Protein backbone atom coordinates (compact mmCIF):
# COMPACT_ATOMS: atom_id res chain seq x y z
CA MET A 1 80.85 106.57 -23.71
CA GLN A 2 82.58 103.62 -23.05
CA ARG A 3 80.54 100.41 -23.77
CA TYR A 4 80.67 97.58 -21.58
CA PRO A 5 79.83 94.13 -23.24
CA ARG A 6 76.87 91.94 -22.47
CA LEU A 7 78.13 89.39 -19.96
CA HIS A 8 76.83 85.90 -19.40
CA PRO A 9 74.80 85.31 -15.85
CA ALA A 10 77.32 83.09 -14.66
CA ALA A 11 79.86 85.97 -14.49
CA SER A 12 77.70 87.69 -11.90
CA PRO A 13 79.15 85.49 -9.01
CA ILE A 14 82.84 86.56 -10.03
CA LEU A 15 82.11 90.18 -10.13
CA THR A 16 80.70 89.89 -6.83
CA ARG A 17 83.82 88.30 -5.37
CA PHE A 18 86.00 90.84 -7.33
CA ILE A 19 84.49 93.78 -5.89
CA ALA A 20 84.40 92.52 -2.73
CA ALA A 21 88.12 91.81 -2.92
CA SER A 22 88.66 95.53 -3.89
CA ALA A 23 87.06 96.95 -0.64
CA GLU A 24 90.09 98.89 0.62
CA ASN A 25 90.24 101.06 -2.33
CA GLY A 26 87.45 103.23 -2.60
CA THR A 27 87.51 104.38 -6.62
CA ALA A 28 87.92 100.84 -7.54
CA VAL A 29 85.11 99.93 -5.45
CA ARG A 30 82.95 102.79 -6.91
CA LYS A 31 83.93 101.92 -10.24
CA ASN A 32 83.44 98.05 -9.81
CA GLN A 33 79.93 98.66 -8.12
CA PHE A 34 78.83 100.54 -11.36
CA ILE A 35 80.01 97.90 -13.61
CA ALA A 36 77.98 95.32 -11.35
CA CYS A 37 74.97 97.48 -11.32
CA LEU A 38 75.36 97.28 -15.33
CA VAL A 39 75.81 93.69 -15.48
CA ALA A 40 72.85 93.30 -12.89
CA LEU A 41 70.48 95.51 -15.04
CA ASN A 42 71.79 93.39 -18.29
CA PHE A 43 70.88 90.03 -16.44
CA LEU A 44 67.57 90.95 -15.49
CA ARG A 45 66.76 92.35 -18.95
CA SER A 46 68.10 89.26 -20.22
CA ILE A 47 65.69 87.34 -18.28
CA ALA A 48 62.69 89.44 -19.64
CA TRP A 49 63.90 88.91 -23.46
CA ALA A 50 64.26 85.25 -22.68
CA ALA A 51 60.46 85.23 -21.53
CA GLU A 52 59.26 86.36 -24.80
CA THR A 53 58.39 84.40 -27.83
CA PRO A 54 57.61 85.43 -31.01
CA GLU A 55 53.79 84.88 -30.35
CA THR A 56 53.98 87.21 -27.17
CA VAL A 57 56.20 89.60 -29.19
CA LEU A 58 53.40 90.01 -32.03
CA ILE A 59 50.69 90.10 -29.18
CA ARG A 60 52.32 93.17 -27.53
CA GLN A 61 52.42 94.66 -31.17
CA VAL A 62 48.81 94.35 -31.30
CA LEU A 63 48.21 95.78 -28.04
CA SER A 64 50.17 98.73 -29.09
CA THR A 65 48.30 99.48 -32.15
CA GLU A 66 45.35 99.41 -30.36
CA LYS A 67 46.73 102.16 -27.83
CA SER A 68 47.81 104.18 -30.65
CA GLY A 69 44.11 104.28 -32.00
CA HIS A 70 43.03 105.56 -28.74
CA ARG A 71 45.99 108.05 -28.59
CA ARG A 72 45.37 109.13 -32.22
CA GLY A 73 41.12 109.22 -31.83
CA ASN A 74 41.36 106.71 -35.00
CA ALA A 75 38.86 104.21 -34.56
CA ASP A 76 40.06 102.51 -37.91
CA VAL A 77 43.43 101.79 -36.33
CA ALA A 78 42.06 100.77 -32.77
CA ILE A 79 39.54 97.96 -34.20
CA GLN A 80 42.41 96.41 -36.02
CA ALA A 81 43.09 94.58 -32.85
CA TYR A 82 39.74 92.84 -32.50
CA ALA A 83 38.31 89.80 -34.11
CA ASP A 84 35.08 89.86 -36.03
CA HIS A 85 33.28 87.83 -33.05
CA VAL A 86 35.11 90.03 -30.30
CA VAL A 87 32.79 90.36 -27.16
CA VAL A 88 33.36 93.05 -24.63
CA TYR A 89 32.20 92.74 -21.20
CA GLU A 90 32.26 95.50 -18.47
CA GLY A 91 33.18 94.18 -14.95
CA HIS A 92 31.72 97.28 -12.95
CA HIS A 93 34.96 97.32 -10.80
CA SER A 94 34.37 93.67 -9.49
CA ALA A 95 35.94 90.59 -9.51
CA ASP A 96 32.54 88.89 -9.02
CA PRO A 97 31.42 87.67 -12.63
CA TYR A 98 28.03 88.08 -11.24
CA GLY A 99 28.00 91.78 -12.14
CA TRP A 100 29.59 91.65 -15.08
CA THR A 101 27.62 92.46 -18.19
CA ILE A 102 27.99 92.32 -22.14
CA ILE A 103 28.51 95.81 -23.70
CA HIS A 104 29.41 94.80 -27.19
CA GLU A 105 28.78 91.80 -28.89
CA ASP A 106 30.95 92.01 -32.52
CA ARG A 107 33.54 93.71 -34.06
CA SER A 108 31.11 96.16 -35.89
CA ALA A 109 29.45 97.26 -32.43
CA LEU A 110 32.76 97.96 -31.23
CA ALA A 111 33.87 100.06 -34.00
CA ARG A 112 30.47 102.29 -33.93
CA ALA A 113 31.20 102.59 -30.21
CA LEU A 114 34.64 103.60 -30.42
CA ALA A 115 33.96 106.06 -33.38
CA ALA A 116 31.24 107.88 -31.15
CA ASP A 117 33.56 108.06 -28.33
CA PHE A 118 36.58 109.79 -29.99
CA GLU A 119 34.21 112.05 -31.24
CA HIS A 120 33.84 113.44 -27.99
CA ARG A 121 36.86 112.55 -26.02
CA ARG A 122 40.66 111.79 -26.49
CA TYR A 123 42.79 109.82 -24.79
CA ASP A 124 46.31 110.66 -23.26
CA LEU A 125 47.17 106.95 -22.21
CA ALA A 126 50.16 104.75 -21.24
CA ARG A 127 49.58 101.06 -21.37
CA THR A 128 51.52 98.82 -19.31
CA VAL A 129 51.29 94.93 -20.39
CA LEU A 130 51.26 92.99 -16.82
CA PHE A 131 51.43 89.42 -18.51
CA VAL A 132 50.88 87.65 -21.30
CA LEU A 133 50.18 83.89 -21.33
CA ALA A 134 50.24 82.07 -24.68
CA ARG A 135 49.05 78.62 -25.31
CA ASN A 136 48.87 77.15 -28.78
CA ASP A 137 46.48 79.47 -30.76
CA LYS A 138 45.12 81.05 -27.68
CA ALA A 139 46.66 83.64 -25.22
CA ILE A 140 45.39 85.48 -21.68
CA VAL A 141 46.86 89.14 -21.35
CA ALA A 142 46.26 91.61 -18.96
CA THR A 143 46.94 95.23 -19.24
CA GLN A 144 46.51 98.45 -17.28
CA ASP A 145 45.98 101.59 -19.01
CA SER A 146 46.36 104.96 -17.24
CA GLY A 147 46.77 108.62 -18.12
CA LEU A 148 43.86 111.00 -18.86
CA VAL A 149 40.45 111.31 -20.96
CA ILE A 150 39.99 114.69 -22.07
CA ASP A 151 36.70 116.22 -23.43
CA ARG A 152 37.01 117.60 -26.81
CA GLN A 153 34.63 120.60 -26.30
CA SER A 154 35.42 121.54 -22.67
CA GLY A 155 38.84 120.61 -22.36
CA THR A 156 38.25 119.17 -19.09
CA SER A 157 40.00 115.94 -18.38
CA ARG A 158 39.84 113.10 -15.51
CA PRO A 159 42.12 110.41 -14.64
CA LEU A 160 41.94 107.16 -16.80
CA ALA A 161 42.63 103.68 -14.99
CA MET A 162 41.43 100.66 -16.62
CA TYR A 163 42.42 97.09 -16.05
CA ARG A 164 41.44 94.82 -19.01
CA LEU A 165 41.66 91.02 -19.09
CA TRP A 166 42.06 89.88 -22.87
CA ILE A 167 41.63 86.48 -24.26
CA PHE A 168 43.50 86.47 -27.99
CA THR A 169 43.03 84.10 -30.69
CA LYS A 170 45.44 83.18 -33.44
CA ALA A 171 44.00 82.82 -37.11
CA ASP A 172 45.78 82.93 -40.44
CA ASP A 173 48.98 84.02 -38.59
CA HIS A 174 47.29 86.87 -36.91
CA TRP A 175 46.49 87.44 -33.27
CA LEU A 176 43.24 89.10 -32.33
CA ALA A 177 41.39 89.93 -29.32
CA ALA A 178 38.24 87.61 -28.92
CA SER A 179 37.14 88.85 -25.97
CA VAL A 180 37.80 91.43 -23.40
CA PHE A 181 36.86 92.13 -19.67
CA GLN A 182 37.31 95.63 -18.77
CA ASN A 183 37.36 97.27 -15.22
CA ILE A 184 37.33 94.08 -13.66
CA ALA A 185 38.98 94.28 -10.22
CA ASP A 186 40.48 92.35 -7.12
CA THR A 187 37.52 92.93 -5.00
CA THR A 188 33.95 91.58 -5.02
CA ALA A 189 32.76 94.63 -2.52
CA ILE A 190 30.25 95.66 -5.57
CA ALA A 191 26.69 94.17 -4.98
CA PRO A 192 25.72 92.16 -7.99
CA VAL A 193 22.65 93.34 -10.06
CA LEU A 194 20.24 90.33 -10.75
CA ALA A 195 19.16 89.95 -14.25
CA ALA A 196 16.42 88.17 -15.90
CA ARG A 197 17.01 84.69 -16.52
CA ALA A 198 17.55 83.46 -20.26
CA THR A 199 15.59 80.08 -19.97
CA GLU A 200 17.03 78.71 -23.27
CA ILE A 201 20.58 79.32 -22.04
CA ALA A 202 20.03 77.57 -18.80
CA ALA A 203 18.65 74.61 -20.57
CA ILE A 204 21.77 74.39 -22.64
CA LEU A 205 24.06 74.21 -19.40
CA GLU A 206 21.69 71.75 -17.65
CA ARG A 207 21.92 69.52 -20.70
CA GLU A 208 25.88 69.95 -20.68
CA ALA A 209 25.99 68.78 -17.39
CA GLU A 210 23.85 65.69 -18.16
CA ALA A 211 25.96 64.77 -20.95
CA TRP A 212 28.87 64.69 -18.88
CA GLN A 213 27.37 62.18 -16.16
CA SER A 214 25.86 60.01 -19.36
CA LYS A 215 29.73 60.38 -21.11
CA ASP A 216 27.96 61.47 -24.03
CA ILE A 217 30.95 62.97 -25.52
CA GLY A 218 29.03 63.92 -28.71
CA ALA A 219 26.60 65.73 -27.02
CA ILE A 220 29.34 67.64 -24.79
CA VAL A 221 31.07 68.52 -28.12
CA ALA A 222 28.17 69.49 -30.29
CA ALA A 223 27.59 72.22 -27.65
CA ILE A 224 30.78 73.89 -28.12
CA ASP A 225 32.50 76.60 -30.85
CA GLU A 226 35.04 75.30 -32.78
CA ASP A 227 37.13 78.12 -31.63
CA PHE A 228 36.20 77.28 -27.86
CA VAL A 229 38.82 78.11 -25.02
CA VAL A 230 38.93 76.89 -21.29
CA CYS A 231 40.69 79.29 -19.15
CA ASP A 232 41.27 77.63 -15.39
CA ALA A 233 41.70 79.98 -12.62
CA TYR A 234 42.89 77.57 -10.06
CA HIS A 235 40.39 79.05 -7.52
CA LEU A 236 43.07 82.17 -7.47
CA MET A 237 42.58 85.80 -7.70
CA ASP A 238 46.03 86.43 -9.20
CA ARG A 239 45.07 86.13 -12.83
CA ALA A 240 48.55 86.08 -13.84
CA LYS A 241 48.69 82.38 -12.41
CA TRP A 242 45.69 81.52 -14.44
CA ARG A 243 46.41 79.13 -17.41
CA ILE A 244 44.54 77.94 -20.72
CA ALA A 245 43.25 74.51 -20.06
CA PHE A 246 41.87 73.90 -23.45
CA SER A 247 42.69 76.17 -26.56
CA ASP A 248 40.24 74.57 -29.14
CA ALA A 249 37.45 72.14 -29.51
CA GLU A 250 39.68 69.42 -31.13
CA GLU A 251 41.87 69.30 -28.17
CA PHE A 252 39.11 69.32 -25.68
CA GLU A 253 37.38 66.56 -27.49
CA ALA A 254 40.59 64.21 -27.76
CA TRP A 255 41.11 64.78 -23.93
CA LEU A 256 37.08 63.76 -23.20
CA GLU A 257 37.50 60.54 -24.97
CA LYS A 258 40.79 59.47 -23.05
CA ARG A 259 39.09 61.17 -19.63
CA LEU A 260 35.72 59.54 -19.85
CA THR A 261 36.78 56.17 -20.59
CA TYR A 262 38.07 55.68 -16.99
CA ALA A 263 36.41 58.51 -15.00
CA ASN A 264 32.75 59.13 -13.85
CA TYR A 265 31.55 62.57 -12.95
CA THR A 266 28.13 63.65 -11.32
CA ILE A 267 27.91 67.44 -11.54
CA ASP A 268 25.61 68.96 -9.18
CA ARG A 269 25.05 72.51 -10.95
CA ARG A 270 23.30 75.53 -10.00
CA VAL A 271 22.53 78.26 -12.67
CA LEU A 272 23.29 81.52 -10.89
CA TYR A 273 22.35 83.86 -13.63
CA THR A 274 22.03 83.72 -17.65
CA LYS A 275 22.35 87.15 -19.64
CA LEU A 276 21.64 87.78 -23.42
CA GLY A 277 23.46 90.63 -25.17
CA GLU A 278 21.33 93.59 -26.26
CA ASN A 279 21.06 92.25 -29.87
CA GLY A 280 20.79 88.54 -28.66
CA LEU A 281 23.96 87.64 -30.33
CA THR A 282 25.49 86.51 -27.27
CA ALA A 283 25.00 85.52 -23.97
CA SER A 284 26.93 84.91 -20.71
CA ALA A 285 26.21 82.79 -17.82
CA LEU A 286 27.45 82.06 -13.97
CA THR A 287 27.21 78.56 -12.24
CA GLN A 288 28.23 77.16 -8.99
CA GLU A 289 28.58 73.53 -8.93
CA THR A 290 29.99 70.67 -6.95
CA VAL A 291 31.63 68.21 -9.46
CA SER A 292 32.33 64.61 -8.16
CA ILE A 293 34.75 62.16 -10.00
CA SER A 294 35.06 58.50 -9.46
CA HIS A 295 37.36 56.18 -11.53
CA GLU A 296 36.28 52.89 -13.13
CA LYS A 297 38.95 51.10 -10.88
CA GLY A 298 38.53 52.18 -7.41
CA SER A 299 35.97 53.14 -4.80
CA ALA A 300 37.35 56.72 -3.94
CA ILE A 301 35.16 59.91 -4.79
CA HIS A 302 36.76 63.45 -5.24
CA SER A 303 34.76 66.35 -5.16
CA MET A 304 35.34 70.20 -5.63
CA ASP A 305 33.09 73.03 -5.57
CA ARG A 306 33.65 75.31 -8.72
CA TYR A 307 32.68 78.91 -9.89
CA VAL A 308 32.33 78.96 -13.56
CA PHE A 309 31.70 81.86 -16.23
CA TRP A 310 30.38 80.76 -19.51
CA GLY A 311 30.38 82.60 -23.04
CA LEU A 312 28.21 81.73 -25.58
CA ARG A 313 27.39 82.93 -29.14
CA ARG A 314 24.51 82.39 -31.48
CA ARG A 315 25.83 80.44 -34.44
CA SER A 316 23.71 79.53 -37.66
CA GLY A 317 20.62 80.02 -35.13
CA ALA A 318 22.02 77.57 -32.54
CA TRP A 319 24.03 78.51 -29.32
CA LYS A 320 27.30 77.51 -28.86
CA ILE A 321 29.54 77.69 -25.99
CA THR A 322 32.73 79.89 -26.99
CA GLN A 323 34.77 80.23 -23.72
CA LEU A 324 34.66 79.12 -19.76
CA LEU A 325 36.51 80.86 -17.00
CA THR A 326 36.27 77.75 -14.75
CA ASN A 327 37.60 77.25 -11.04
CA LEU A 328 37.16 80.77 -10.48
CA PRO A 329 37.31 82.02 -6.90
CA ILE A 330 34.11 81.79 -5.04
CA PRO A 331 33.20 85.19 -3.72
CA GLN A 332 31.71 85.65 -0.34
CA ARG A 333 28.75 88.20 -0.58
CA GLY A 334 26.97 90.26 1.58
CA THR A 335 23.86 90.67 -0.37
CA GLU A 336 21.37 87.87 -0.91
CA GLU A 337 20.83 86.96 -4.57
C-alpha cells in the first residue's frame, strides 16, 4: 500500500486549491479528493493527539484497566483504579443531587461489592471516554459504558448503559478515582427522595458559612480535608464545561488569604439535606444559598444564587469536607421538598 506522509495543517488550504484547479479531470479529482480526505483525517487526529497530555494518557490507562477488570470478571484488577478513600454515589438517573445516594464508602466496600457482582454477572462492555479535564493533581472525567450485562446462571442478558462522572486524584505519580458519580443524567425529572437530617453535618455547614462572614480563614481551612477539591459547574448542565477551581487545601488557603483581605461575604445558606453513608464513614449534603460580596473599597454589592453538593469524610473522629460541586444548575422540581 502506498503511504502518504503526514502533512502540516497549513498544507490543507493548498490542497484545497489544488483539487479545485483539477476539476476538469475526473480521475485527478477523485485521486486528489482521496488524498484530501486522508489529510483531513490526519489533521483531526493530530488535534486529538495535541489535546492529550501525559497526565490524561495515564488517566485513560487507569480507566482501561478498570474496564478490563469488568470484562474479565476480576475484582482485583478493577479495584486497582480506585483510591483507598473512594466514595461511589448513585445518581438514580437524575441530574439533581437531591436524589443522589452514597452506595460505597471506601475501596474495601467497593471491592467486596465488585467481587459479589462478578460471581453472578459478566460484562460485555465498551467504554467511551467523553472528556478528561486535569488540573494539578486532580481531574474530572466522564465516561459512557455500553454493551451487555449477562447473568452467569441463566445466560440472559440486558443492555448496559451507564454514564459516570469521576473525580481523580494523583498521589505518588499514580492517578486513582477518589469519587465516582454513576447513573447521573441530564434531567431532573426523577422526584427526589427525602432523607433524615444529620444534624452534626448541617451544623458544620452552618459554621462554615459563619466563618466566611467573619473572615476566619483558620476556621474555614480547619473544616476541609488536605485532599480537598472544588469543581465549579458554572450553573451549566454540560459537564464538559465544568472546571476544577481548587485542587487541594493549600491552594484554597492561599486564595482565601488574598481574597478575604479586600472582599466581604454574606452567605444565606439553606441546608436542603444531609445524608450519612451506611457505616457512618462518609456524608453528603446539598445547600441552596445566596452569596453576596462587597469590597473594602467600594459600595457595590454583587449577589448570586448557587446550588452546592458537599462530600465529607470522618477523619480521626472529626468530619472534614473533601469535595464541593459548586454552582450546579438549580433544578425546577415539580414536587415539594
